[in-house]
């Protein structure tokens, strides 16, 4: 199905920084769009507001896009906006929907970025002051095993598989250990365990990041 021209126009406006105009044009075009493209218009409008940091405006737009949607990206946008607004428990509930949809539709193109989304969700939890064991689990139990089970930390190898970089995961893990008030001995144990299971480059990074744990920033 051919994409209506409003989306090209909206993309140009968003890239040019005139996001409010993009939202206005998309909303005005809604009555002329099919159900499929209405959902896309809600999503684009939500992104335009999100990029401007207008979380309260973005949330209902994303929720409209996600209503009855089986696309993980639609629900991920809702979860991230809920985090920005401080609605942490609602964000975790929505994240569970993202999780379920990705595993229900593993062949869908939208699932290719699922592992990156885990890192992004965990990072934003930390940034909004809501780091907890659930965020730690995303890193330590869901992402780290890619490297320790396969003994490979090469960035290009994992990027082609949609997995975030080893260094990024370990760096965010250290921030979580600090935020959750784990001590340097616990961090050293983790680093040593990981180092025994990964390749030479990974061991070198573990050695580097193991030192200077210090207090939480």
N, C-alpha and C. Protein backbone atom coordinates (compact mmCIF):
# COMPACT_ATOMS: atom_id res chain seq x y z
N UNK A 1 0.85 -1.19 0.00
CA UNK A 1 0.00 0.00 0.00
C UNK A 1 0.89 1.25 0.00
N UNK A 2 0.59 2.14 -0.92
CA UNK A 2 1.40 3.35 -1.06
C UNK A 2 1.20 4.27 0.14
N UNK A 3 2.31 4.75 0.68
CA UNK A 3 2.25 5.65 1.83
C UNK A 3 1.74 7.01 1.40
N UNK A 4 0.76 7.57 2.08
CA UNK A 4 0.28 8.92 1.77
C UNK A 4 1.39 9.96 1.92
N UNK A 5 1.31 11.00 1.13
CA UNK A 5 2.35 12.02 1.12
C UNK A 5 2.51 12.76 2.43
N UNK A 6 1.50 12.73 3.29
CA UNK A 6 1.58 13.45 4.56
C UNK A 6 2.76 12.96 5.39
N UNK A 7 3.13 11.69 5.25
CA UNK A 7 4.22 11.17 6.07
C UNK A 7 5.58 11.69 5.61
N UNK A 8 5.76 11.82 4.33
CA UNK A 8 7.00 12.44 3.84
C UNK A 8 7.07 13.88 4.30
N UNK A 9 5.96 14.58 4.23
CA UNK A 9 5.90 15.97 4.69
C UNK A 9 6.21 16.05 6.18
N UNK A 10 5.63 15.14 6.96
CA UNK A 10 5.86 15.15 8.41
C UNK A 10 7.31 14.85 8.74
N UNK A 11 7.90 13.90 8.03
CA UNK A 11 9.31 13.58 8.27
C UNK A 11 10.19 14.79 7.99
N UNK A 12 9.90 15.49 6.93
CA UNK A 12 10.69 16.68 6.59
C UNK A 12 10.55 17.75 7.67
N UNK A 13 9.35 17.94 8.16
CA UNK A 13 9.12 18.94 9.19
C UNK A 13 9.83 18.56 10.49
N UNK A 14 9.76 17.27 10.85
CA UNK A 14 10.41 16.79 12.08
C UNK A 14 11.91 16.97 11.97
N UNK A 15 12.49 16.56 10.83
CA UNK A 15 13.94 16.72 10.64
C UNK A 15 14.34 18.18 10.68
N UNK A 16 13.46 19.05 10.17
CA UNK A 16 13.77 20.46 10.14
C UNK A 16 13.53 21.17 11.46
N UNK A 17 13.02 20.44 12.44
CA UNK A 17 12.80 21.02 13.77
C UNK A 17 11.44 21.66 13.96
N UNK A 18 10.60 21.66 12.93
CA UNK A 18 9.27 22.27 13.06
C UNK A 18 8.28 21.17 13.45
N UNK A 19 8.47 20.65 14.65
CA UNK A 19 7.72 19.47 15.05
C UNK A 19 6.26 19.78 15.36
N UNK A 20 6.00 20.95 15.90
CA UNK A 20 4.61 21.32 16.19
C UNK A 20 3.78 21.35 14.91
N UNK A 21 4.40 21.85 13.83
CA UNK A 21 3.70 21.88 12.55
C UNK A 21 3.45 20.46 12.04
N UNK A 22 4.40 19.58 12.28
CA UNK A 22 4.23 18.18 11.86
C UNK A 22 3.03 17.56 12.56
N UNK A 23 2.92 17.81 13.87
CA UNK A 23 1.79 17.26 14.63
C UNK A 23 0.47 17.82 14.07
N UNK A 24 0.42 19.12 13.83
CA UNK A 24 -0.80 19.75 13.31
C UNK A 24 -1.21 19.15 11.97
N UNK A 25 -0.23 18.95 11.08
CA UNK A 25 -0.54 18.40 9.75
C UNK A 25 -1.02 16.96 9.86
N UNK A 26 -0.38 16.19 10.70
CA UNK A 26 -0.76 14.79 10.86
C UNK A 26 -2.16 14.66 11.43
N UNK A 27 -2.48 15.47 12.43
CA UNK A 27 -3.80 15.40 13.04
C UNK A 27 -4.88 15.85 12.06
N UNK A 28 -4.56 16.83 11.25
CA UNK A 28 -5.53 17.31 10.26
C UNK A 28 -5.79 16.25 9.19
N UNK A 29 -4.80 15.42 8.91
CA UNK A 29 -4.92 14.42 7.86
C UNK A 29 -5.63 13.15 8.32
N UNK A 30 -5.80 12.98 9.64
CA UNK A 30 -6.34 11.72 10.17
C UNK A 30 -7.64 11.25 9.51
N UNK A 31 -8.64 12.13 9.32
CA UNK A 31 -9.92 11.64 8.77
C UNK A 31 -9.78 11.02 7.37
N UNK A 32 -8.75 11.40 6.63
CA UNK A 32 -8.58 10.89 5.27
C UNK A 32 -7.73 9.62 5.20
N UNK A 33 -7.24 9.16 6.34
CA UNK A 33 -6.33 8.02 6.35
C UNK A 33 -7.04 6.73 6.72
N UNK A 34 -6.52 5.63 6.19
CA UNK A 34 -7.01 4.31 6.57
C UNK A 34 -6.62 4.03 8.01
N UNK A 35 -7.19 2.98 8.60
CA UNK A 35 -6.87 2.64 9.98
C UNK A 35 -5.38 2.40 10.16
N UNK A 36 -4.77 1.69 9.20
CA UNK A 36 -3.33 1.42 9.28
C UNK A 36 -2.53 2.70 9.33
N UNK A 37 -2.86 3.64 8.47
CA UNK A 37 -2.09 4.87 8.41
C UNK A 37 -2.50 5.86 9.51
N UNK A 38 -3.68 5.72 10.05
CA UNK A 38 -4.03 6.53 11.21
C UNK A 38 -3.12 6.18 12.38
N UNK A 39 -2.87 4.87 12.57
CA UNK A 39 -1.98 4.44 13.64
C UNK A 39 -0.58 5.02 13.42
N UNK A 40 -0.14 5.02 12.18
CA UNK A 40 1.18 5.57 11.87
C UNK A 40 1.21 7.07 12.12
N UNK A 41 0.12 7.75 11.82
CA UNK A 41 0.06 9.20 12.05
C UNK A 41 0.13 9.51 13.55
N UNK A 42 -0.59 8.74 14.37
CA UNK A 42 -0.51 8.93 15.81
C UNK A 42 0.92 8.73 16.29
N UNK A 43 1.57 7.71 15.76
CA UNK A 43 2.94 7.41 16.18
C UNK A 43 3.90 8.53 15.78
N UNK A 44 3.80 9.02 14.55
CA UNK A 44 4.66 10.10 14.10
C UNK A 44 4.44 11.36 14.94
N UNK A 45 3.18 11.65 15.22
CA UNK A 45 2.87 12.83 16.03
C UNK A 45 3.45 12.67 17.43
N UNK A 46 3.35 11.44 17.97
CA UNK A 46 3.94 11.18 19.28
C UNK A 46 5.43 11.39 19.28
N UNK A 47 6.10 10.91 18.24
CA UNK A 47 7.55 11.08 18.15
C UNK A 47 7.93 12.55 18.06
N UNK A 48 7.16 13.32 17.31
CA UNK A 48 7.45 14.76 17.19
C UNK A 48 7.38 15.43 18.56
N UNK A 49 6.37 15.10 19.35
CA UNK A 49 6.26 15.68 20.70
C UNK A 49 7.34 15.13 21.62
N UNK A 50 7.65 13.85 21.49
CA UNK A 50 8.66 13.21 22.33
C UNK A 50 10.02 13.87 22.10
N UNK A 51 10.38 14.09 20.84
CA UNK A 51 11.68 14.69 20.54
C UNK A 51 11.79 16.10 21.10
N UNK A 52 10.66 16.78 21.29
CA UNK A 52 10.66 18.11 21.90
C UNK A 52 10.60 18.05 23.42
N UNK A 53 10.55 16.83 23.98
CA UNK A 53 10.47 16.69 25.43
C UNK A 53 9.11 16.99 26.00
N UNK A 54 8.09 16.96 25.17
CA UNK A 54 6.73 17.22 25.63
C UNK A 54 6.07 15.88 25.95
N UNK A 55 6.45 15.32 27.10
CA UNK A 55 6.02 13.96 27.43
C UNK A 55 4.50 13.85 27.58
N UNK A 56 3.89 14.81 28.25
CA UNK A 56 2.44 14.75 28.49
C UNK A 56 1.66 14.82 27.18
N UNK A 57 2.21 15.48 26.18
CA UNK A 57 1.56 15.53 24.88
C UNK A 57 1.83 14.27 24.08
N UNK A 58 3.04 13.73 24.23
CA UNK A 58 3.40 12.55 23.46
C UNK A 58 2.65 11.30 23.92
N UNK A 59 2.42 11.17 25.23
CA UNK A 59 1.86 9.93 25.75
C UNK A 59 0.52 9.55 25.14
N UNK A 60 -0.50 10.44 25.13
CA UNK A 60 -1.78 10.01 24.55
C UNK A 60 -1.68 9.71 23.05
N UNK A 61 -0.76 10.37 22.36
CA UNK A 61 -0.56 10.09 20.94
C UNK A 61 0.00 8.68 20.75
N UNK A 62 1.00 8.34 21.55
CA UNK A 62 1.56 6.99 21.49
C UNK A 62 0.53 5.95 21.91
N UNK A 63 -0.28 6.28 22.91
CA UNK A 63 -1.30 5.32 23.35
C UNK A 63 -2.34 5.07 22.27
N UNK A 64 -2.67 6.11 21.51
CA UNK A 64 -3.58 5.92 20.37
C UNK A 64 -2.95 5.00 19.34
N UNK A 65 -1.66 5.19 19.09
CA UNK A 65 -0.98 4.34 18.11
C UNK A 65 -0.90 2.90 18.58
N UNK A 66 -0.75 2.70 19.90
CA UNK A 66 -0.58 1.36 20.44
C UNK A 66 -1.89 0.61 20.64
N UNK A 67 -3.00 1.33 20.68
CA UNK A 67 -4.29 0.69 20.93
C UNK A 67 -4.54 -0.41 19.91
N UNK A 68 -4.69 -1.64 20.38
CA UNK A 68 -4.93 -2.82 19.54
C UNK A 68 -3.78 -3.13 18.60
N UNK A 69 -2.62 -2.53 18.84
CA UNK A 69 -1.46 -2.76 17.97
C UNK A 69 -0.68 -3.98 18.44
N UNK A 70 -0.17 -4.74 17.47
CA UNK A 70 0.71 -5.88 17.75
C UNK A 70 2.16 -5.53 17.44
N UNK A 71 2.43 -4.25 17.20
CA UNK A 71 3.78 -3.80 16.86
C UNK A 71 4.53 -3.42 18.14
N UNK A 72 5.61 -4.12 18.49
CA UNK A 72 6.33 -3.83 19.74
C UNK A 72 6.77 -2.37 19.86
N UNK A 73 7.16 -1.76 18.74
CA UNK A 73 7.65 -0.38 18.76
C UNK A 73 6.61 0.57 19.31
N UNK A 74 5.35 0.33 18.98
CA UNK A 74 4.28 1.21 19.46
C UNK A 74 4.21 1.19 20.99
N UNK A 75 4.34 0.03 21.58
CA UNK A 75 4.27 -0.09 23.03
C UNK A 75 5.55 0.39 23.70
N UNK A 76 6.67 0.20 23.02
CA UNK A 76 7.94 0.69 23.56
C UNK A 76 7.91 2.21 23.69
N UNK A 77 7.34 2.89 22.70
CA UNK A 77 7.24 4.35 22.78
C UNK A 77 6.41 4.78 23.99
N UNK A 78 5.35 4.03 24.27
CA UNK A 78 4.53 4.33 25.45
C UNK A 78 5.35 4.14 26.72
N UNK A 79 6.06 3.02 26.81
CA UNK A 79 6.84 2.72 28.02
C UNK A 79 7.89 3.78 28.29
N UNK A 80 8.60 4.19 27.26
CA UNK A 80 9.66 5.19 27.44
C UNK A 80 9.08 6.53 27.89
N UNK A 81 7.94 6.89 27.33
CA UNK A 81 7.31 8.16 27.72
C UNK A 81 6.80 8.09 29.15
N UNK A 82 6.26 6.96 29.54
CA UNK A 82 5.82 6.80 30.93
C UNK A 82 7.00 6.95 31.90
N UNK A 83 8.16 6.44 31.52
CA UNK A 83 9.34 6.62 32.37
C UNK A 83 9.67 8.10 32.51
N UNK A 84 9.68 8.82 31.41
CA UNK A 84 9.99 10.24 31.45
C UNK A 84 9.01 11.00 32.35
N UNK A 85 7.77 10.52 32.39
CA UNK A 85 6.76 11.20 33.20
C UNK A 85 6.77 10.75 34.65
N UNK A 86 7.63 9.79 34.98
CA UNK A 86 7.74 9.33 36.35
C UNK A 86 6.73 8.26 36.74
N UNK A 87 6.00 7.72 35.76
CA UNK A 87 5.02 6.67 36.05
C UNK A 87 5.72 5.32 35.89
N UNK A 88 6.56 4.99 36.85
CA UNK A 88 7.49 3.87 36.72
C UNK A 88 6.78 2.52 36.65
N UNK A 89 5.81 2.30 37.52
CA UNK A 89 5.14 1.01 37.53
C UNK A 89 4.34 0.79 36.25
N UNK A 90 3.70 1.84 35.75
CA UNK A 90 2.99 1.71 34.48
C UNK A 90 3.96 1.39 33.35
N UNK A 91 5.14 2.00 33.39
CA UNK A 91 6.15 1.74 32.37
C UNK A 91 6.59 0.28 32.39
N UNK A 92 6.73 -0.29 33.58
CA UNK A 92 7.11 -1.71 33.67
C UNK A 92 6.01 -2.61 33.12
N UNK A 93 4.77 -2.26 33.38
CA UNK A 93 3.65 -3.03 32.83
C UNK A 93 3.67 -2.96 31.31
N UNK A 94 3.88 -1.77 30.77
CA UNK A 94 3.93 -1.61 29.32
C UNK A 94 5.13 -2.34 28.74
N UNK A 95 6.26 -2.28 29.44
CA UNK A 95 7.45 -3.00 28.96
C UNK A 95 7.16 -4.50 28.85
N UNK A 96 6.38 -5.04 29.76
CA UNK A 96 6.03 -6.46 29.68
C UNK A 96 5.26 -6.74 28.40
N UNK A 97 4.45 -5.80 27.97
CA UNK A 97 3.73 -5.94 26.69
C UNK A 97 4.73 -5.95 25.53
N UNK A 98 5.71 -5.08 25.58
CA UNK A 98 6.77 -5.07 24.56
C UNK A 98 7.46 -6.44 24.52
N UNK A 99 7.79 -6.94 25.69
CA UNK A 99 8.46 -8.23 25.82
C UNK A 99 7.63 -9.35 25.18
N UNK A 100 6.35 -9.38 25.53
CA UNK A 100 5.47 -10.44 25.02
C UNK A 100 5.31 -10.37 23.51
N UNK A 101 5.15 -9.17 22.98
CA UNK A 101 4.95 -9.03 21.54
C UNK A 101 6.20 -9.42 20.75
N UNK A 102 7.37 -9.11 21.29
CA UNK A 102 8.59 -9.48 20.58
C UNK A 102 8.74 -10.99 20.49
N UNK A 103 8.37 -11.70 21.53
CA UNK A 103 8.50 -13.15 21.49
C UNK A 103 7.34 -13.81 20.75
N UNK A 104 6.21 -13.12 20.65
CA UNK A 104 5.08 -13.65 19.90
C UNK A 104 5.27 -13.48 18.40
N UNK A 105 6.07 -12.49 18.01
CA UNK A 105 6.27 -12.19 16.58
C UNK A 105 7.77 -12.10 16.29
N UNK A 106 8.46 -13.20 16.51
CA UNK A 106 9.92 -13.17 16.41
C UNK A 106 10.43 -12.93 14.99
N UNK A 107 9.60 -13.17 13.99
CA UNK A 107 10.04 -12.97 12.60
C UNK A 107 9.72 -11.57 12.08
N UNK A 108 9.02 -10.78 12.87
CA UNK A 108 8.66 -9.44 12.42
C UNK A 108 9.88 -8.54 12.42
N UNK A 109 9.99 -7.63 11.45
CA UNK A 109 11.18 -6.76 11.39
C UNK A 109 11.35 -5.89 12.62
N UNK A 110 10.24 -5.56 13.29
CA UNK A 110 10.33 -4.70 14.47
C UNK A 110 11.06 -5.35 15.64
N UNK A 111 11.16 -6.69 15.62
CA UNK A 111 11.82 -7.37 16.73
C UNK A 111 13.34 -7.31 16.64
N UNK A 112 13.86 -6.86 15.51
CA UNK A 112 15.32 -6.87 15.33
C UNK A 112 16.05 -5.94 16.29
N UNK A 113 15.34 -4.95 16.82
CA UNK A 113 15.98 -4.00 17.75
C UNK A 113 15.60 -4.27 19.20
N UNK A 114 15.02 -5.44 19.48
CA UNK A 114 14.53 -5.72 20.83
C UNK A 114 15.63 -5.67 21.88
N UNK A 115 16.80 -6.21 21.56
CA UNK A 115 17.87 -6.25 22.56
C UNK A 115 18.42 -4.85 22.81
N UNK A 116 18.46 -4.02 21.77
CA UNK A 116 18.84 -2.62 21.97
C UNK A 116 17.81 -1.92 22.85
N UNK A 117 16.55 -2.28 22.68
CA UNK A 117 15.50 -1.66 23.50
C UNK A 117 15.69 -2.01 24.97
N UNK A 118 16.16 -3.23 25.25
CA UNK A 118 16.41 -3.60 26.65
C UNK A 118 17.44 -2.66 27.27
N UNK A 119 18.50 -2.37 26.52
CA UNK A 119 19.52 -1.46 27.03
C UNK A 119 18.95 -0.06 27.20
N UNK A 120 18.17 0.40 26.23
CA UNK A 120 17.60 1.74 26.29
C UNK A 120 16.64 1.89 27.46
N UNK A 121 15.82 0.88 27.69
CA UNK A 121 14.87 0.93 28.80
C UNK A 121 15.61 0.94 30.14
N UNK A 122 16.61 0.07 30.26
CA UNK A 122 17.40 0.03 31.50
C UNK A 122 18.12 1.34 31.73
N UNK A 123 18.66 1.94 30.67
CA UNK A 123 19.38 3.21 30.81
C UNK A 123 18.45 4.32 31.26
N UNK A 124 17.25 4.37 30.67
CA UNK A 124 16.33 5.45 31.04
C UNK A 124 15.83 5.25 32.47
N UNK A 125 15.64 4.01 32.90
CA UNK A 125 15.29 3.77 34.31
C UNK A 125 16.32 4.42 35.23
N UNK A 126 17.57 4.25 34.90
CA UNK A 126 18.65 4.83 35.70
C UNK A 126 18.60 6.35 35.64
N UNK A 127 18.40 6.89 34.46
CA UNK A 127 18.43 8.34 34.27
C UNK A 127 17.30 9.04 35.02
N UNK A 128 16.15 8.38 35.13
CA UNK A 128 15.03 9.03 35.83
C UNK A 128 15.01 8.67 37.32
N UNK A 129 16.08 8.02 37.79
CA UNK A 129 16.20 7.71 39.21
C UNK A 129 15.38 6.52 39.65
N UNK A 130 15.09 5.61 38.72
CA UNK A 130 14.25 4.46 39.05
C UNK A 130 14.97 3.14 38.83
N UNK A 131 16.29 3.14 38.99
CA UNK A 131 17.04 1.90 38.87
C UNK A 131 16.61 0.93 39.97
N UNK A 132 16.29 -0.28 39.60
CA UNK A 132 15.91 -1.30 40.58
C UNK A 132 16.30 -2.66 40.03
N UNK A 133 16.07 -3.74 40.78
CA UNK A 133 16.50 -5.06 40.32
C UNK A 133 15.93 -5.46 38.96
N UNK A 134 14.77 -4.91 38.59
CA UNK A 134 14.20 -5.26 37.28
C UNK A 134 15.05 -4.70 36.14
N UNK A 135 15.57 -3.50 36.33
CA UNK A 135 16.48 -2.95 35.33
C UNK A 135 17.79 -3.70 35.30
N UNK A 136 18.28 -4.06 36.48
CA UNK A 136 19.51 -4.83 36.57
C UNK A 136 19.35 -6.17 35.86
N UNK A 137 18.19 -6.79 35.98
CA UNK A 137 17.93 -8.07 35.34
C UNK A 137 18.05 -7.97 33.82
N UNK A 138 17.58 -6.87 33.26
CA UNK A 138 17.69 -6.69 31.81
C UNK A 138 19.14 -6.77 31.35
N UNK A 139 20.03 -6.26 32.16
CA UNK A 139 21.45 -6.23 31.79
C UNK A 139 22.16 -7.52 32.17
N UNK A 140 22.02 -7.91 33.42
CA UNK A 140 22.84 -9.01 33.95
C UNK A 140 22.35 -10.38 33.52
N UNK A 141 21.03 -10.54 33.40
CA UNK A 141 20.50 -11.87 33.10
C UNK A 141 20.00 -12.01 31.67
N UNK A 142 19.69 -10.87 31.01
CA UNK A 142 19.13 -10.95 29.66
C UNK A 142 20.11 -10.53 28.57
N UNK A 143 21.03 -9.63 28.85
CA UNK A 143 21.98 -9.19 27.83
C UNK A 143 23.38 -9.78 28.02
N UNK A 144 23.87 -9.79 29.23
CA UNK A 144 25.24 -10.26 29.48
C UNK A 144 25.47 -11.70 29.00
N UNK A 145 24.50 -12.61 29.12
CA UNK A 145 24.74 -13.98 28.66
C UNK A 145 25.06 -14.12 27.17
N UNK A 146 24.67 -13.15 26.35
CA UNK A 146 25.07 -13.22 24.95
C UNK A 146 26.59 -13.34 24.84
N UNK A 147 27.27 -12.58 25.65
CA UNK A 147 28.74 -12.55 25.58
C UNK A 147 29.38 -13.71 26.34
N UNK A 148 28.84 -14.01 27.51
CA UNK A 148 29.47 -15.06 28.31
C UNK A 148 29.16 -16.46 27.77
N UNK A 149 28.00 -16.65 27.17
CA UNK A 149 27.66 -17.97 26.63
C UNK A 149 28.34 -18.23 25.29
N UNK A 150 28.56 -17.15 24.52
CA UNK A 150 29.16 -17.31 23.19
C UNK A 150 30.66 -16.99 23.17
N UNK A 151 31.15 -16.41 24.28
CA UNK A 151 32.59 -16.11 24.42
C UNK A 151 33.08 -15.12 23.37
N UNK A 152 32.19 -14.25 22.91
CA UNK A 152 32.52 -13.28 21.87
C UNK A 152 32.06 -11.90 22.33
N UNK A 153 32.92 -10.88 22.21
CA UNK A 153 32.53 -9.51 22.56
C UNK A 153 32.70 -8.55 21.39
N UNK A 154 33.03 -9.06 20.23
CA UNK A 154 33.27 -8.19 19.07
C UNK A 154 32.03 -7.37 18.74
N UNK A 155 32.20 -6.06 18.68
CA UNK A 155 31.08 -5.15 18.47
C UNK A 155 30.37 -5.40 17.15
N UNK A 156 31.13 -5.60 16.08
CA UNK A 156 30.53 -5.79 14.75
C UNK A 156 29.74 -7.10 14.69
N UNK A 157 30.28 -8.12 15.34
CA UNK A 157 29.59 -9.41 15.37
C UNK A 157 28.21 -9.26 15.99
N UNK A 158 28.13 -8.55 17.12
CA UNK A 158 26.85 -8.44 17.81
C UNK A 158 25.94 -7.38 17.19
N UNK A 159 26.52 -6.33 16.62
CA UNK A 159 25.68 -5.30 15.98
C UNK A 159 24.87 -5.90 14.85
N UNK A 160 25.46 -6.82 14.11
CA UNK A 160 24.75 -7.46 12.99
C UNK A 160 23.62 -8.35 13.47
N UNK A 161 23.61 -8.65 14.76
CA UNK A 161 22.56 -9.48 15.36
C UNK A 161 21.62 -8.67 16.25
N UNK A 162 21.79 -7.35 16.23
CA UNK A 162 20.90 -6.48 16.99
C UNK A 162 21.15 -6.46 18.48
N UNK A 163 22.36 -6.88 18.89
CA UNK A 163 22.71 -6.90 20.31
C UNK A 163 23.61 -5.71 20.62
N UNK A 164 23.34 -4.97 21.69
CA UNK A 164 24.20 -3.82 22.02
C UNK A 164 25.61 -4.27 22.37
N UNK A 165 26.54 -3.32 22.35
CA UNK A 165 27.94 -3.64 22.57
C UNK A 165 28.24 -4.10 23.98
N UNK A 166 29.22 -4.97 24.08
CA UNK A 166 29.66 -5.49 25.38
C UNK A 166 30.08 -4.37 26.31
N UNK A 167 30.86 -3.43 25.81
CA UNK A 167 31.32 -2.33 26.66
C UNK A 167 30.16 -1.49 27.17
N UNK A 168 29.15 -1.29 26.32
CA UNK A 168 27.98 -0.51 26.74
C UNK A 168 27.23 -1.23 27.85
N UNK A 169 27.07 -2.53 27.71
CA UNK A 169 26.34 -3.31 28.72
C UNK A 169 27.11 -3.29 30.05
N UNK A 170 28.42 -3.51 29.99
CA UNK A 170 29.20 -3.54 31.22
C UNK A 170 29.27 -2.16 31.88
N UNK A 171 29.36 -1.12 31.10
CA UNK A 171 29.41 0.24 31.65
C UNK A 171 28.10 0.57 32.37
N UNK A 172 26.97 0.22 31.75
CA UNK A 172 25.69 0.49 32.39
C UNK A 172 25.50 -0.42 33.61
N UNK A 173 26.01 -1.63 33.53
CA UNK A 173 25.96 -2.52 34.69
C UNK A 173 26.69 -1.91 35.89
N UNK A 174 27.84 -1.33 35.64
CA UNK A 174 28.57 -0.70 36.74
C UNK A 174 27.75 0.44 37.35
N UNK A 175 27.09 1.20 36.52
CA UNK A 175 26.26 2.28 37.03
C UNK A 175 25.11 1.74 37.88
N UNK A 176 24.56 0.61 37.45
CA UNK A 176 23.50 -0.03 38.24
C UNK A 176 24.02 -0.54 39.58
N UNK A 177 25.17 -1.16 39.56
CA UNK A 177 25.74 -1.64 40.82
C UNK A 177 25.94 -0.47 41.79
N UNK A 178 26.38 0.65 41.28
CA UNK A 178 26.55 1.83 42.14
C UNK A 178 25.19 2.33 42.64
N UNK A 179 24.24 2.47 41.71
CA UNK A 179 22.92 3.00 42.08
C UNK A 179 22.22 2.11 43.09
N UNK A 180 22.42 0.81 42.99
CA UNK A 180 21.79 -0.12 43.92
C UNK A 180 22.64 -0.38 45.16
N UNK A 181 23.69 0.42 45.30
CA UNK A 181 24.55 0.40 46.49
C UNK A 181 25.22 -0.95 46.72
N UNK A 182 25.55 -1.61 45.64
CA UNK A 182 26.37 -2.81 45.77
C UNK A 182 27.82 -2.35 45.98
N UNK A 183 28.61 -3.14 46.67
CA UNK A 183 29.96 -2.69 46.99
C UNK A 183 30.97 -3.14 45.94
N UNK A 184 32.18 -2.63 46.09
CA UNK A 184 33.23 -2.91 45.10
C UNK A 184 33.59 -4.39 45.04
N UNK A 185 33.42 -5.11 46.15
CA UNK A 185 33.72 -6.54 46.14
C UNK A 185 32.73 -7.29 45.26
N UNK A 186 31.46 -6.92 45.33
CA UNK A 186 30.45 -7.55 44.47
C UNK A 186 30.73 -7.26 43.00
N UNK A 187 31.13 -6.03 42.73
CA UNK A 187 31.45 -5.66 41.36
C UNK A 187 32.67 -6.44 40.86
N UNK A 188 33.66 -6.59 41.69
CA UNK A 188 34.86 -7.33 41.30
C UNK A 188 34.53 -8.79 41.00
N UNK A 189 33.64 -9.39 41.79
CA UNK A 189 33.23 -10.77 41.56
C UNK A 189 32.57 -10.91 40.19
N UNK A 190 31.67 -9.97 39.86
CA UNK A 190 31.01 -10.01 38.56
C UNK A 190 32.03 -9.87 37.43
N UNK A 191 32.91 -8.89 37.54
CA UNK A 191 33.90 -8.67 36.49
C UNK A 191 34.79 -9.89 36.28
N UNK A 192 35.20 -10.50 37.37
CA UNK A 192 36.06 -11.68 37.27
C UNK A 192 35.31 -12.85 36.64
N UNK A 193 34.05 -13.00 36.99
CA UNK A 193 33.25 -14.09 36.41
C UNK A 193 33.09 -13.88 34.91
N UNK A 194 32.80 -12.65 34.52
CA UNK A 194 32.62 -12.35 33.10
C UNK A 194 33.94 -12.54 32.35
N UNK A 195 35.01 -12.05 32.94
CA UNK A 195 36.32 -12.14 32.27
C UNK A 195 36.71 -13.59 31.96
N UNK A 196 36.35 -14.50 32.84
CA UNK A 196 36.68 -15.92 32.61
C UNK A 196 35.90 -16.51 31.44
N UNK A 197 34.79 -15.85 31.04
CA UNK A 197 33.90 -16.43 30.04
C UNK A 197 33.97 -15.76 28.68
N UNK A 198 34.77 -14.70 28.55
CA UNK A 198 34.77 -13.95 27.29
C UNK A 198 36.15 -13.99 26.62
N UNK A 199 36.24 -13.33 25.48
CA UNK A 199 37.47 -13.34 24.70
C UNK A 199 38.49 -12.34 25.25
N UNK A 200 39.61 -12.24 24.58
CA UNK A 200 40.72 -11.41 25.08
C UNK A 200 40.33 -9.94 25.21
N UNK A 201 39.64 -9.41 24.20
CA UNK A 201 39.22 -8.01 24.27
C UNK A 201 38.27 -7.79 25.44
N UNK A 202 37.36 -8.74 25.63
CA UNK A 202 36.43 -8.63 26.74
C UNK A 202 37.13 -8.69 28.08
N UNK A 203 38.13 -9.56 28.20
CA UNK A 203 38.88 -9.66 29.45
C UNK A 203 39.61 -8.36 29.75
N UNK A 204 40.17 -7.75 28.70
CA UNK A 204 40.88 -6.49 28.89
C UNK A 204 39.93 -5.41 29.39
N UNK A 205 38.71 -5.37 28.83
CA UNK A 205 37.77 -4.34 29.28
C UNK A 205 37.30 -4.62 30.69
N UNK A 206 37.09 -5.89 31.03
CA UNK A 206 36.70 -6.24 32.40
C UNK A 206 37.76 -5.78 33.40
N UNK A 207 39.01 -5.97 33.04
CA UNK A 207 40.10 -5.55 33.93
C UNK A 207 40.08 -4.04 34.10
N UNK A 208 39.86 -3.33 33.01
CA UNK A 208 39.82 -1.87 33.04
C UNK A 208 38.66 -1.34 33.88
N UNK A 209 37.48 -1.90 33.66
CA UNK A 209 36.29 -1.36 34.33
C UNK A 209 36.15 -1.88 35.77
N UNK A 210 36.88 -2.93 36.10
CA UNK A 210 36.84 -3.49 37.45
C UNK A 210 37.43 -2.51 38.46
N UNK A 211 38.41 -1.74 38.04
CA UNK A 211 39.13 -0.83 38.95
C UNK A 211 38.35 0.47 39.14
N UNK A 212 38.61 1.12 40.26
CA UNK A 212 38.03 2.44 40.50
C UNK A 212 36.53 2.44 40.57
N UNK A 213 35.96 1.39 41.16
CA UNK A 213 34.49 1.29 41.24
C UNK A 213 33.91 2.51 41.94
N UNK A 214 34.40 2.80 43.13
CA UNK A 214 34.03 4.04 43.83
C UNK A 214 32.55 4.08 44.16
N UNK A 215 32.12 5.21 44.73
CA UNK A 215 30.71 5.39 45.10
C UNK A 215 29.86 5.76 43.90
N UNK A 216 28.58 5.70 44.05
CA UNK A 216 27.67 6.10 42.99
C UNK A 216 27.86 7.57 42.67
N UNK A 217 27.75 7.90 41.39
CA UNK A 217 27.91 9.30 40.97
C UNK A 217 26.69 10.10 41.40
